[in-house]
Amino acid sequence: MTGLRDRSCRPSPPGALPLEAARAADLLAGLAPGWRIAEDGRAIRRAFGFPDFYETMAFVNAVAWIANAEDHHPDLEVGYNYCRMTFSTHSVGGLSENDFICAAKVDAL
């Protein structure tokens, strides 16, 4: 799965279906440890920890830059020293390759 972070997100065509479980598992193997597929198979999630609020917010701002550049946005839960991130492609009702591309870019931070 090398090269995910070098790819760019593309809009899902109308009627596109979410990734099959086997394909999602293959793509997950190309991400850093810590990412997991949600129990319902419709999202990937990871929790990040930081020593303080400043570093947490620096990370969140870097993620926001990636999300804006890729036009693919995660759901974030942010606190003093943590960020919990969820990627899912709402237009397909589950996972798309865009989720894994963005996760790989986050891994590169």
PDB file of N, CA and C in Angstrom:
ATOM      1  N   MET A   1       0.815  -1.192   0.000  1.00  0.00           N
ATOM      2  CA  MET A   1       0.000   0.000   0.000  1.00  0.00           C
ATOM      3  C   MET A   1       0.858   1.256   0.000  1.00  0.00           C
ATOM      4  N   THR A   2       2.142   1.103  -0.223  1.00  0.00           N
ATOM      5  CA  THR A   2       2.967   2.297  -0.284  1.00  0.00           C
ATOM      6  C   THR A   2       2.416   3.210  -1.359  1.00  0.00           C
ATOM      7  N   GLY A   3       2.507   4.462  -1.119  1.00  0.00           N
ATOM      8  CA  GLY A   3       2.051   5.422  -2.086  1.00  0.00           C
ATOM      9  C   GLY A   3       0.677   6.012  -1.792  1.00  0.00           C
ATOM     10  N   LEU A   4      -0.037   5.492  -0.797  1.00  0.00           N
ATOM     11  CA  LEU A   4      -1.341   6.072  -0.466  1.00  0.00           C
ATOM     12  C   LEU A   4      -1.207   7.557  -0.176  1.00  0.00           C
ATOM     13  N   ARG A   5      -0.192   7.920   0.580  1.00  0.00           N
ATOM     14  CA  ARG A   5      -0.065   9.337   0.954  1.00  0.00           C
ATOM     15  C   ARG A   5       0.344  10.209  -0.224  1.00  0.00           C
ATOM     16  N   ASP A   6       0.807   9.601  -1.316  1.00  0.00           N
ATOM     17  CA  ASP A   6       1.185  10.365  -2.499  1.00  0.00           C
ATOM     18  C   ASP A   6       0.022  10.548  -3.464  1.00  0.00           C
ATOM     19  N   ARG A   7      -1.087   9.902  -3.169  1.00  0.00           N
ATOM     20  CA  ARG A   7      -2.271  10.013  -4.020  1.00  0.00           C
ATOM     21  C   ARG A   7      -3.132  11.182  -3.556  1.00  0.00           C
ATOM     22  N   SER A   8      -4.093  11.551  -4.385  1.00  0.00           N
ATOM     23  CA  SER A   8      -5.045  12.604  -4.033  1.00  0.00           C
ATOM     24  C   SER A   8      -6.453  12.037  -4.037  1.00  0.00           C
ATOM     25  N   CYS A   9      -7.279  12.580  -3.193  1.00  0.00           N
ATOM     26  CA  CYS A   9      -8.678  12.161  -3.133  1.00  0.00           C
ATOM     27  C   CYS A   9      -9.387  12.576  -4.407  1.00  0.00           C
ATOM     28  N   ARG A  10     -10.340  11.733  -4.805  1.00  0.00           N
ATOM     29  CA  ARG A  10     -11.156  12.027  -5.984  1.00  0.00           C
ATOM     30  C   ARG A  10     -12.614  11.915  -5.597  1.00  0.00           C
ATOM     31  N   PRO A  11     -13.454  12.759  -6.174  1.00  0.00           N
ATOM     32  CA  PRO A  11     -14.884  12.667  -5.858  1.00  0.00           C
ATOM     33  C   PRO A  11     -15.430  11.290  -6.230  1.00  0.00           C
ATOM     34  N   SER A  12     -16.322  10.792  -5.406  1.00  0.00           N
ATOM     35  CA  SER A  12     -16.975   9.516  -5.707  1.00  0.00           C
ATOM     36  C   SER A  12     -18.040   9.743  -6.763  1.00  0.00           C
ATOM     37  N   PRO A  13     -18.054   8.911  -7.789  1.00  0.00           N
ATOM     38  CA  PRO A  13     -19.088   9.082  -8.808  1.00  0.00           C
ATOM     39  C   PRO A  13     -20.468   8.748  -8.244  1.00  0.00           C
ATOM     40  N   PRO A  14     -21.511   9.306  -8.815  1.00  0.00           N
ATOM     41  CA  PRO A  14     -22.864   8.995  -8.345  1.00  0.00           C
ATOM     42  C   PRO A  14     -23.098   7.484  -8.374  1.00  0.00           C
ATOM     43  N   GLY A  15     -23.702   6.988  -7.312  1.00  0.00           N
ATOM     44  CA  GLY A  15     -24.001   5.569  -7.225  1.00  0.00           C
ATOM     45  C   GLY A  15     -22.840   4.695  -6.784  1.00  0.00           C
ATOM     46  N   ALA A  16     -21.695   5.311  -6.457  1.00  0.00           N
ATOM     47  CA  ALA A  16     -20.544   4.521  -6.014  1.00  0.00           C
ATOM     48  C   ALA A  16     -20.886   3.782  -4.724  1.00  0.00           C
ATOM     49  N   LEU A  17     -20.343   2.594  -4.598  1.00  0.00           N
ATOM     50  CA  LEU A  17     -20.575   1.766  -3.422  1.00  0.00           C
ATOM     51  C   LEU A  17     -19.378   1.842  -2.483  1.00  0.00           C
ATOM     52  N   PRO A  18     -19.594   1.573  -1.199  1.00  0.00           N
ATOM     53  CA  PRO A  18     -18.468   1.545  -0.270  1.00  0.00           C
ATOM     54  C   PRO A  18     -17.547   0.369  -0.589  1.00  0.00           C
ATOM     55  N   LEU A  19     -16.324   0.454  -0.082  1.00  0.00           N
ATOM     56  CA  LEU A  19     -15.359  -0.624  -0.276  1.00  0.00           C
ATOM     57  C   LEU A  19     -15.857  -1.917   0.357  1.00  0.00           C
ATOM     58  N   GLU A  20     -15.515  -3.016  -0.266  1.00  0.00           N
ATOM     59  CA  GLU A  20     -15.787  -4.318   0.336  1.00  0.00           C
ATOM     60  C   GLU A  20     -14.830  -4.513   1.503  1.00  0.00           C
ATOM     61  N   ALA A  21     -15.223  -5.343   2.457  1.00  0.00           N
ATOM     62  CA  ALA A  21     -14.448  -5.547   3.689  1.00  0.00           C
ATOM     63  C   ALA A  21     -13.017  -5.997   3.394  1.00  0.00           C
ATOM     64  N   ALA A  22     -12.827  -6.877   2.432  1.00  0.00           N
ATOM     65  CA  ALA A  22     -11.485  -7.375   2.127  1.00  0.00           C
ATOM     66  C   ALA A  22     -10.592  -6.256   1.599  1.00  0.00           C
ATOM     67  N   ARG A  23     -11.134  -5.405   0.752  1.00  0.00           N
ATOM     68  CA  ARG A  23     -10.346  -4.287   0.219  1.00  0.00           C
ATOM     69  C   ARG A  23     -10.012  -3.293   1.324  1.00  0.00           C
ATOM     70  N   ALA A  24     -10.971  -3.024   2.193  1.00  0.00           N
ATOM     71  CA  ALA A  24     -10.721  -2.121   3.317  1.00  0.00           C
ATOM     72  C   ALA A  24      -9.619  -2.682   4.212  1.00  0.00           C
ATOM     73  N   ALA A  25      -9.642  -3.974   4.462  1.00  0.00           N
ATOM     74  CA  ALA A  25      -8.606  -4.599   5.302  1.00  0.00           C
ATOM     75  C   ALA A  25      -7.236  -4.495   4.635  1.00  0.00           C
ATOM     76  N   ASP A  26      -7.183  -4.673   3.318  1.00  0.00           N
ATOM     77  CA  ASP A  26      -5.909  -4.523   2.593  1.00  0.00           C
ATOM     78  C   ASP A  26      -5.370  -3.108   2.726  1.00  0.00           C
ATOM     79  N   LEU A  27      -6.239  -2.120   2.561  1.00  0.00           N
ATOM     80  CA  LEU A  27      -5.810  -0.728   2.675  1.00  0.00           C
ATOM     81  C   LEU A  27      -5.411  -0.389   4.107  1.00  0.00           C
ATOM     82  N   LEU A  28      -6.119  -0.928   5.073  1.00  0.00           N
ATOM     83  CA  LEU A  28      -5.795  -0.688   6.480  1.00  0.00           C
ATOM     84  C   LEU A  28      -4.377  -1.158   6.797  1.00  0.00           C
ATOM     85  N   ALA A  29      -3.967  -2.247   6.188  1.00  0.00           N
ATOM     86  CA  ALA A  29      -2.619  -2.786   6.426  1.00  0.00           C
ATOM     87  C   ALA A  29      -1.528  -1.815   5.986  1.00  0.00           C
ATOM     88  N   GLY A  30      -1.861  -0.878   5.105  1.00  0.00           N
ATOM     89  CA  GLY A  30      -0.894   0.103   4.646  1.00  0.00           C
ATOM     90  C   GLY A  30      -0.799   1.346   5.507  1.00  0.00           C
ATOM     91  N   LEU A  31      -1.592   1.403   6.571  1.00  0.00           N
ATOM     92  CA  LEU A  31      -1.574   2.559   7.471  1.00  0.00           C
ATOM     93  C   LEU A  31      -0.735   2.260   8.706  1.00  0.00           C
ATOM     94  N   ALA A  32      -0.415   3.302   9.446  1.00  0.00           N
ATOM     95  CA  ALA A  32       0.326   3.149  10.695  1.00  0.00           C
ATOM     96  C   ALA A  32      -0.520   2.368  11.703  1.00  0.00           C
ATOM     97  N   PRO A  33       0.151   1.695  12.637  1.00  0.00           N
ATOM     98  CA  PRO A  33      -0.615   1.010  13.688  1.00  0.00           C
ATOM     99  C   PRO A  33      -1.494   2.000  14.443  1.00  0.00           C
ATOM    100  N   GLY A  34      -2.612   1.518  14.898  1.00  0.00           N
ATOM    101  CA  GLY A  34      -3.526   2.366  15.651  1.00  0.00           C
ATOM    102  C   GLY A  34      -4.830   2.606  14.916  1.00  0.00           C
ATOM    103  N   TRP A  35      -4.799   2.582  13.603  1.00  0.00           N
ATOM    104  CA  TRP A  35      -6.043   2.712  12.844  1.00  0.00           C
ATOM    105  C   TRP A  35      -6.813   1.406  12.947  1.00  0.00           C
ATOM    106  N   ARG A  36      -8.125   1.521  13.045  1.00  0.00           N
ATOM    107  CA  ARG A  36      -8.965   0.325  13.066  1.00  0.00           C
ATOM    108  C   ARG A  36     -10.236   0.599  12.287  1.00  0.00           C
ATOM    109  N   ILE A  37     -10.805  -0.462  11.796  1.00  0.00           N
ATOM    110  CA  ILE A  37     -12.081  -0.355  11.104  1.00  0.00           C
ATOM    111  C   ILE A  37     -13.181  -0.434  12.154  1.00  0.00           C
ATOM    112  N   ALA A  38     -14.141   0.466  12.070  1.00  0.00           N
ATOM    113  CA  ALA A  38     -15.259   0.497  13.018  1.00  0.00           C
ATOM    114  C   ALA A  38     -16.026  -0.822  12.949  1.00  0.00           C
ATOM    115  N   GLU A  39     -16.696  -1.145  14.035  1.00  0.00           N
ATOM    116  CA  GLU A  39     -17.432  -2.404  14.118  1.00  0.00           C
ATOM    117  C   GLU A  39     -18.433  -2.573  12.981  1.00  0.00           C
ATOM    118  N   ASP A  40     -19.051  -1.485  12.551  1.00  0.00           N
ATOM    119  CA  ASP A  40     -20.023  -1.594  11.463  1.00  0.00           C
ATOM    120  C   ASP A  40     -19.366  -1.590  10.083  1.00  0.00           C
ATOM    121  N   GLY A  41     -18.036  -1.438  10.030  1.00  0.00           N
ATOM    122  CA  GLY A  41     -17.301  -1.477   8.776  1.00  0.00           C
ATOM    123  C   GLY A  41     -17.432  -0.233   7.925  1.00  0.00           C
ATOM    124  N   ARG A  42     -18.019   0.816   8.470  1.00  0.00           N
ATOM    125  CA  ARG A  42     -18.308   2.008   7.665  1.00  0.00           C
ATOM    126  C   ARG A  42     -17.346   3.166   7.900  1.00  0.00           C
ATOM    127  N   ALA A  43     -16.332   2.980   8.728  1.00  0.00           N
ATOM    128  CA  ALA A  43     -15.399   4.067   9.045  1.00  0.00           C
ATOM    129  C   ALA A  43     -14.080   3.470   9.520  1.00  0.00           C
ATOM    130  N   ILE A  44     -13.049   4.310   9.496  1.00  0.00           N
ATOM    131  CA  ILE A  44     -11.794   3.964  10.165  1.00  0.00           C
ATOM    132  C   ILE A  44     -11.557   4.994  11.250  1.00  0.00           C
ATOM    133  N   ARG A  45     -10.933   4.544  12.343  1.00  0.00           N
ATOM    134  CA  ARG A  45     -10.742   5.418  13.505  1.00  0.00           C
ATOM    135  C   ARG A  45      -9.345   5.251  14.079  1.00  0.00           C
ATOM    136  N   ARG A  46      -8.902   6.322  14.716  1.00  0.00           N
ATOM    137  CA  ARG A  46      -7.630   6.278  15.446  1.00  0.00           C
ATOM    138  C   ARG A  46      -7.655   7.356  16.521  1.00  0.00           C
ATOM    139  N   ALA A  47      -7.033   7.048  17.646  1.00  0.00           N
ATOM    140  CA  ALA A  47      -6.868   8.015  18.736  1.00  0.00           C
ATOM    141  C   ALA A  47      -5.402   8.434  18.786  1.00  0.00           C
ATOM    142  N   PHE A  48      -5.179   9.723  18.978  1.00  0.00           N
ATOM    143  CA  PHE A  48      -3.840  10.294  19.087  1.00  0.00           C
ATOM    144  C   PHE A  48      -3.711  10.961  20.449  1.00  0.00           C
ATOM    145  N   GLY A  49      -2.559  10.817  21.086  1.00  0.00           N
ATOM    146  CA  GLY A  49      -2.302  11.461  22.369  1.00  0.00           C
ATOM    147  C   GLY A  49      -1.160  12.455  22.253  1.00  0.00           C
ATOM    148  N   PHE A  50      -1.222  13.516  23.063  1.00  0.00           N
ATOM    149  CA  PHE A  50      -0.233  14.588  23.023  1.00  0.00           C
ATOM    150  C   PHE A  50       0.095  15.031  24.438  1.00  0.00           C
ATOM    151  N   PRO A  51       1.240  15.657  24.633  1.00  0.00           N
ATOM    152  CA  PRO A  51       1.605  16.083  25.985  1.00  0.00           C
ATOM    153  C   PRO A  51       0.838  17.288  26.506  1.00  0.00           C
ATOM    154  N   ASP A  52       0.287  18.098  25.587  1.00  0.00           N
ATOM    155  CA  ASP A  52      -0.389  19.309  26.045  1.00  0.00           C
ATOM    156  C   ASP A  52      -1.342  19.834  24.973  1.00  0.00           C
ATOM    157  N   PHE A  53      -2.090  20.839  25.333  1.00  0.00           N
ATOM    158  CA  PHE A  53      -3.097  21.418  24.443  1.00  0.00           C
ATOM    159  C   PHE A  53      -2.471  22.029  23.198  1.00  0.00           C
ATOM    160  N   TYR A  54      -1.345  22.693  23.359  1.00  0.00           N
ATOM    161  CA  TYR A  54      -0.692  23.342  22.226  1.00  0.00           C
ATOM    162  C   TYR A  54      -0.363  22.331  21.137  1.00  0.00           C
ATOM    163  N   GLU A  55       0.235  21.219  21.514  1.00  0.00           N
ATOM    164  CA  GLU A  55       0.604  20.203  20.519  1.00  0.00           C
ATOM    165  C   GLU A  55      -0.637  19.535  19.927  1.00  0.00           C
ATOM    166  N   THR A  56      -1.672  19.371  20.742  1.00  0.00           N
ATOM    167  CA  THR A  56      -2.922  18.822  20.225  1.00  0.00           C
ATOM    168  C   THR A  56      -3.475  19.730  19.138  1.00  0.00           C
ATOM    169  N   MET A  57      -3.531  21.018  19.410  1.00  0.00           N
ATOM    170  CA  MET A  57      -4.112  21.952  18.449  1.00  0.00           C
ATOM    171  C   MET A  57      -3.219  22.118  17.220  1.00  0.00           C
ATOM    172  N   ALA A  58      -1.910  22.030  17.373  1.00  0.00           N
ATOM    173  CA  ALA A  58      -1.026  22.084  16.205  1.00  0.00           C
ATOM    174  C   ALA A  58      -1.327  20.905  15.278  1.00  0.00           C
ATOM    175  N   PHE A  59      -1.525  19.732  15.867  1.00  0.00           N
ATOM    176  CA  PHE A  59      -1.878  18.549  15.090  1.00  0.00           C
ATOM    177  C   PHE A  59      -3.228  18.738  14.398  1.00  0.00           C
ATOM    178  N   VAL A  60      -4.216  19.196  15.137  1.00  0.00           N
ATOM    179  CA  VAL A  60      -5.556  19.402  14.568  1.00  0.00           C
ATOM    180  C   VAL A  60      -5.493  20.401  13.415  1.00  0.00           C
ATOM    181  N   ASN A  61      -4.724  21.456  13.556  1.00  0.00           N
ATOM    182  CA  ASN A  61      -4.598  22.439  12.474  1.00  0.00           C
ATOM    183  C   ASN A  61      -3.924  21.833  11.245  1.00  0.00           C
ATOM    184  N   ALA A  62      -2.932  20.975  11.460  1.00  0.00           N
ATOM    185  CA  ALA A  62      -2.287  20.304  10.324  1.00  0.00           C
ATOM    186  C   ALA A  62      -3.274  19.358   9.636  1.00  0.00           C
ATOM    187  N   VAL A  63      -4.086  18.655  10.422  1.00  0.00           N
ATOM    188  CA  VAL A  63      -5.111  17.777   9.857  1.00  0.00           C
ATOM    189  C   VAL A  63      -6.127  18.608   9.066  1.00  0.00           C
ATOM    190  N   ALA A  64      -6.503  19.759   9.589  1.00  0.00           N
ATOM    191  CA  ALA A  64      -7.450  20.625   8.887  1.00  0.00           C
ATOM    192  C   ALA A  64      -6.886  21.068   7.536  1.00  0.00           C
ATOM    193  N   TRP A  65      -5.594  21.346   7.485  1.00  0.00           N
ATOM    194  CA  TRP A  65      -4.965  21.736   6.232  1.00  0.00           C
ATOM    195  C   TRP A  65      -5.054  20.591   5.221  1.00  0.00           C
ATOM    196  N   ILE A  66      -4.736  19.376   5.655  1.00  0.00           N
ATOM    197  CA  ILE A  66      -4.835  18.202   4.773  1.00  0.00           C
ATOM    198  C   ILE A  66      -6.275  18.033   4.292  1.00  0.00           C
ATOM    199  N   ALA A  67      -7.220  18.092   5.219  1.00  0.00           N
ATOM    200  CA  ALA A  67      -8.628  17.883   4.880  1.00  0.00           C
ATOM    201  C   ALA A  67      -9.103  18.917   3.862  1.00  0.00           C
ATOM    202  N   ASN A  68      -8.700  20.144   4.039  1.00  0.00           N
ATOM    203  CA  ASN A  68      -9.086  21.194   3.103  1.00  0.00           C
ATOM    204  C   ASN A  68      -8.458  20.955   1.734  1.00  0.00           C
ATOM    205  N   ALA A  69      -7.182  20.605   1.713  1.00  0.00           N
ATOM    206  CA  ALA A  69      -6.486  20.370   0.444  1.00  0.00           C
ATOM    207  C   ALA A  69      -7.080  19.184  -0.309  1.00  0.00           C
ATOM    208  N   GLU A  70      -7.499  18.165   0.421  1.00  0.00           N
ATOM    209  CA  GLU A  70      -8.046  16.957  -0.203  1.00  0.00           C
ATOM    210  C   GLU A  70      -9.559  17.020  -0.385  1.00  0.00           C
ATOM    211  N   ASP A  71     -10.199  18.004   0.203  1.00  0.00           N
ATOM    212  CA  ASP A  71     -11.660  18.120   0.195  1.00  0.00           C
ATOM    213  C   ASP A  71     -12.299  16.825   0.710  1.00  0.00           C
ATOM    214  N   HIS A  72     -11.704  16.315   1.783  1.00  0.00           N
ATOM    215  CA  HIS A  72     -12.215  15.101   2.440  1.00  0.00           C
ATOM    216  C   HIS A  72     -11.965  15.292   3.928  1.00  0.00           C
ATOM    217  N   HIS A  73     -13.030  15.335   4.711  1.00  0.00           N
ATOM    218  CA  HIS A  73     -12.944  15.838   6.077  1.00  0.00           C
ATOM    219  C   HIS A  73     -13.286  14.772   7.111  1.00  0.00           C
ATOM    220  N   PRO A  74     -12.421  14.623   8.114  1.00  0.00           N
ATOM    221  CA  PRO A  74     -12.711  13.660   9.177  1.00  0.00           C
ATOM    222  C   PRO A  74     -13.636  14.269  10.226  1.00  0.00           C
ATOM    223  N   ASP A  75     -14.215  13.396  11.017  1.00  0.00           N
ATOM    224  CA  ASP A  75     -14.876  13.834  12.242  1.00  0.00           C
ATOM    225  C   ASP A  75     -13.812  13.797  13.319  1.00  0.00           C
ATOM    226  N   LEU A  76     -13.741  14.855  14.109  1.00  0.00           N
ATOM    227  CA  LEU A  76     -12.726  14.970  15.152  1.00  0.00           C
ATOM    228  C   LEU A  76     -13.379  15.172  16.510  1.00  0.00           C
ATOM    229  N   GLU A  77     -12.813  14.529  17.502  1.00  0.00           N
ATOM    230  CA  GLU A  77     -13.160  14.788  18.895  1.00  0.00           C
ATOM    231  C   GLU A  77     -11.854  15.222  19.552  1.00  0.00           C
ATOM    232  N   VAL A  78     -11.834  16.435  20.063  1.00  0.00           N
ATOM    233  CA  VAL A  78     -10.594  17.032  20.541  1.00  0.00           C
ATOM    234  C   VAL A  78     -10.725  17.428  22.000  1.00  0.00           C
ATOM    235  N   GLY A  79      -9.685  17.139  22.767  1.00  0.00           N
ATOM    236  CA  GLY A  79      -9.601  17.555  24.159  1.00  0.00           C
ATOM    237  C   GLY A  79      -8.202  18.070  24.450  1.00  0.00           C
ATOM    238  N   TYR A  80      -7.937  18.328  25.705  1.00  0.00           N
ATOM    239  CA  TYR A  80      -6.670  18.938  26.119  1.00  0.00           C
ATOM    240  C   TYR A  80      -5.457  18.223  25.526  1.00  0.00           C
ATOM    241  N   ASN A  81      -5.415  16.899  25.622  1.00  0.00           N
ATOM    242  CA  ASN A  81      -4.226  16.166  25.182  1.00  0.00           C
ATOM    243  C   ASN A  81      -4.559  14.973  24.289  1.00  0.00           C
ATOM    244  N   TYR A  82      -5.664  15.064  23.570  1.00  0.00           N
ATOM    245  CA  TYR A  82      -6.031  13.967  22.666  1.00  0.00           C
ATOM    246  C   TYR A  82      -6.820  14.472  21.473  1.00  0.00           C
ATOM    247  N   CYS A  83      -6.801  13.649  20.444  1.00  0.00           N
ATOM    248  CA  CYS A  83      -7.653  13.857  19.274  1.00  0.00           C
ATOM    249  C   CYS A  83      -8.084  12.475  18.803  1.00  0.00           C
ATOM    250  N   ARG A  84      -9.382  12.266  18.707  1.00  0.00           N
ATOM    251  CA  ARG A  84      -9.923  11.034  18.153  1.00  0.00           C
ATOM    252  C   ARG A  84     -10.472  11.367  16.768  1.00  0.00           C
ATOM    253  N   MET A  85     -10.053  10.588  15.783  1.00  0.00           N
ATOM    254  CA  MET A  85     -10.357  10.902  14.391  1.00  0.00           C
ATOM    255  C   MET A  85     -11.124   9.754  13.742  1.00  0.00           C
ATOM    256  N   THR A  86     -12.121  10.111  12.948  1.00  0.00           N
ATOM    257  CA  THR A  86     -12.899   9.133  12.195  1.00  0.00           C
ATOM    258  C   THR A  86     -13.009   9.593  10.754  1.00  0.00           C
ATOM    259  N   PHE A  87     -12.645   8.706   9.837  1.00  0.00           N
ATOM    260  CA  PHE A  87     -12.838   8.962   8.414  1.00  0.00           C
ATOM    261  C   PHE A  87     -13.912   8.023   7.890  1.00  0.00           C
ATOM    262  N   SER A  88     -14.809   8.570   7.106  1.00  0.00           N
ATOM    263  CA  SER A  88     -15.849   7.820   6.415  1.00  0.00           C
ATOM    264  C   SER A  88     -16.280   8.661   5.220  1.00  0.00           C
ATOM    265  N   THR A  89     -16.747   8.003   4.183  1.00  0.00           N
ATOM    266  CA  THR A  89     -17.196   8.735   3.003  1.00  0.00           C
ATOM    267  C   THR A  89     -18.715   8.706   2.984  1.00  0.00           C
ATOM    268  N   HIS A  90     -19.298   9.803   3.380  1.00  0.00           N
ATOM    269  CA  HIS A  90     -20.755   9.867   3.531  1.00  0.00           C
ATOM    270  C   HIS A  90     -21.487   9.632   2.210  1.00  0.00           C
ATOM    271  N   SER A  91     -20.904  10.078   1.107  1.00  0.00           N
ATOM    272  CA  SER A  91     -21.589   9.939  -0.188  1.00  0.00           C
ATOM    273  C   SER A  91     -21.723   8.488  -0.638  1.00  0.00           C
ATOM    274  N   VAL A  92     -20.893   7.584  -0.096  1.00  0.00           N
ATOM    275  CA  VAL A  92     -21.018   6.162  -0.448  1.00  0.00           C
ATOM    276  C   VAL A  92     -21.593   5.346   0.706  1.00  0.00           C
ATOM    277  N   GLY A  93     -21.800   5.989   1.831  1.00  0.00           N
ATOM    278  CA  GLY A  93     -22.364   5.288   2.983  1.00  0.00           C
ATOM    279  C   GLY A  93     -21.404   4.325   3.651  1.00  0.00           C
ATOM    280  N   GLY A  94     -20.129   4.635   3.572  1.00  0.00           N
ATOM    281  CA  GLY A  94     -19.125   3.764   4.196  1.00  0.00           C
ATOM    282  C   GLY A  94     -17.731   4.210   3.822  1.00  0.00           C
ATOM    283  N   LEU A  95     -16.854   3.252   3.639  1.00  0.00           N
ATOM    284  CA  LEU A  95     -15.454   3.554   3.346  1.00  0.00           C
ATOM    285  C   LEU A  95     -15.180   3.656   1.852  1.00  0.00           C
ATOM    286  N   SER A  96     -14.298   4.593   1.514  1.00  0.00           N
ATOM    287  CA  SER A  96     -13.770   4.694   0.155  1.00  0.00           C
ATOM    288  C   SER A  96     -12.251   4.800   0.264  1.00  0.00           C
ATOM    289  N   GLU A  97     -11.583   4.715  -0.859  1.00  0.00           N
ATOM    290  CA  GLU A  97     -10.129   4.861  -0.828  1.00  0.00           C
ATOM    291  C   GLU A  97      -9.726   6.235  -0.303  1.00  0.00           C
ATOM    292  N   ASN A  98     -10.574   7.247  -0.478  1.00  0.00           N
ATOM    293  CA  ASN A  98     -10.260   8.585   0.026  1.00  0.00           C
ATOM    294  C   ASN A  98      -9.985   8.566   1.524  1.00  0.00           C
ATOM    295  N   ASP A  99     -10.709   7.740   2.267  1.00  0.00           N
ATOM    296  CA  ASP A  99     -10.500   7.670   3.718  1.00  0.00           C
ATOM    297  C   ASP A  99      -9.086   7.207   4.038  1.00  0.00           C
ATOM    298  N   PHE A 100      -8.603   6.233   3.299  1.00  0.00           N
ATOM    299  CA  PHE A 100      -7.272   5.671   3.537  1.00  0.00           C
ATOM    300  C   PHE A 100      -6.176   6.599   3.035  1.00  0.00           C
ATOM    301  N   ILE A 101      -6.451   7.314   1.946  1.00  0.00           N
ATOM    302  CA  ILE A 101      -5.494   8.307   1.453  1.00  0.00           C
ATOM    303  C   ILE A 101      -5.278   9.387   2.512  1.00  0.00           C
ATOM    304  N   CYS A 102      -6.365   9.906   3.059  1.00  0.00           N
ATOM    305  CA  CYS A 102      -6.245  10.959   4.081  1.00  0.00           C
ATOM    306  C   CYS A 102      -5.602  10.426   5.347  1.00  0.00           C
ATOM    307  N   ALA A 103      -5.959   9.217   5.753  1.00  0.00           N
ATOM    308  CA  ALA A 103      -5.336   8.629   6.947  1.00  0.00           C
ATOM    309  C   ALA A 103      -3.834   8.486   6.753  1.00  0.00           C
ATOM    310  N   ALA A 104      -3.399   8.082   5.566  1.00  0.00           N
ATOM    311  CA  ALA A 104      -1.968   7.962   5.287  1.00  0.00           C
ATOM    312  C   ALA A 104      -1.275   9.316   5.349  1.00  0.00           C
ATOM    313  N   LYS A 105      -1.950  10.358   4.894  1.00  0.00           N
ATOM    314  CA  LYS A 105      -1.374  11.703   4.968  1.00  0.00           C
ATOM    315  C   LYS A 105      -1.274  12.162   6.428  1.00  0.00           C
ATOM    316  N   VAL A 106      -2.265  11.819   7.239  1.00  0.00           N
ATOM    317  CA  VAL A 106      -2.214  12.128   8.667  1.00  0.00           C
ATOM    318  C   VAL A 106      -1.045  11.365   9.309  1.00  0.00           C
ATOM    319  N   ASP A 107      -0.861  10.111   8.924  1.00  0.00           N
ATOM    320  CA  ASP A 107       0.250   9.324   9.456  1.00  0.00           C
ATOM    321  C   ASP A 107       1.593   9.989   9.187  1.00  0.00           C
ATOM    322  N   ALA A 108       1.693  10.701   8.075  1.00  0.00           N
ATOM    323  CA  ALA A 108       2.962  11.342   7.694  1.00  0.00           C
ATOM    324  C   ALA A 108       3.268  12.578   8.519  1.00  0.00           C
ATOM    325  N   LEU A 109       2.296  13.057   9.306  1.00  0.00           N
ATOM    326  CA  LEU A 109       2.547  14.255  10.120  1.00  0.00           C
ATOM    327  C   LEU A 109       3.610  13.942  11.125  1.00  0.00           C
TER     328      LEU A 109
END
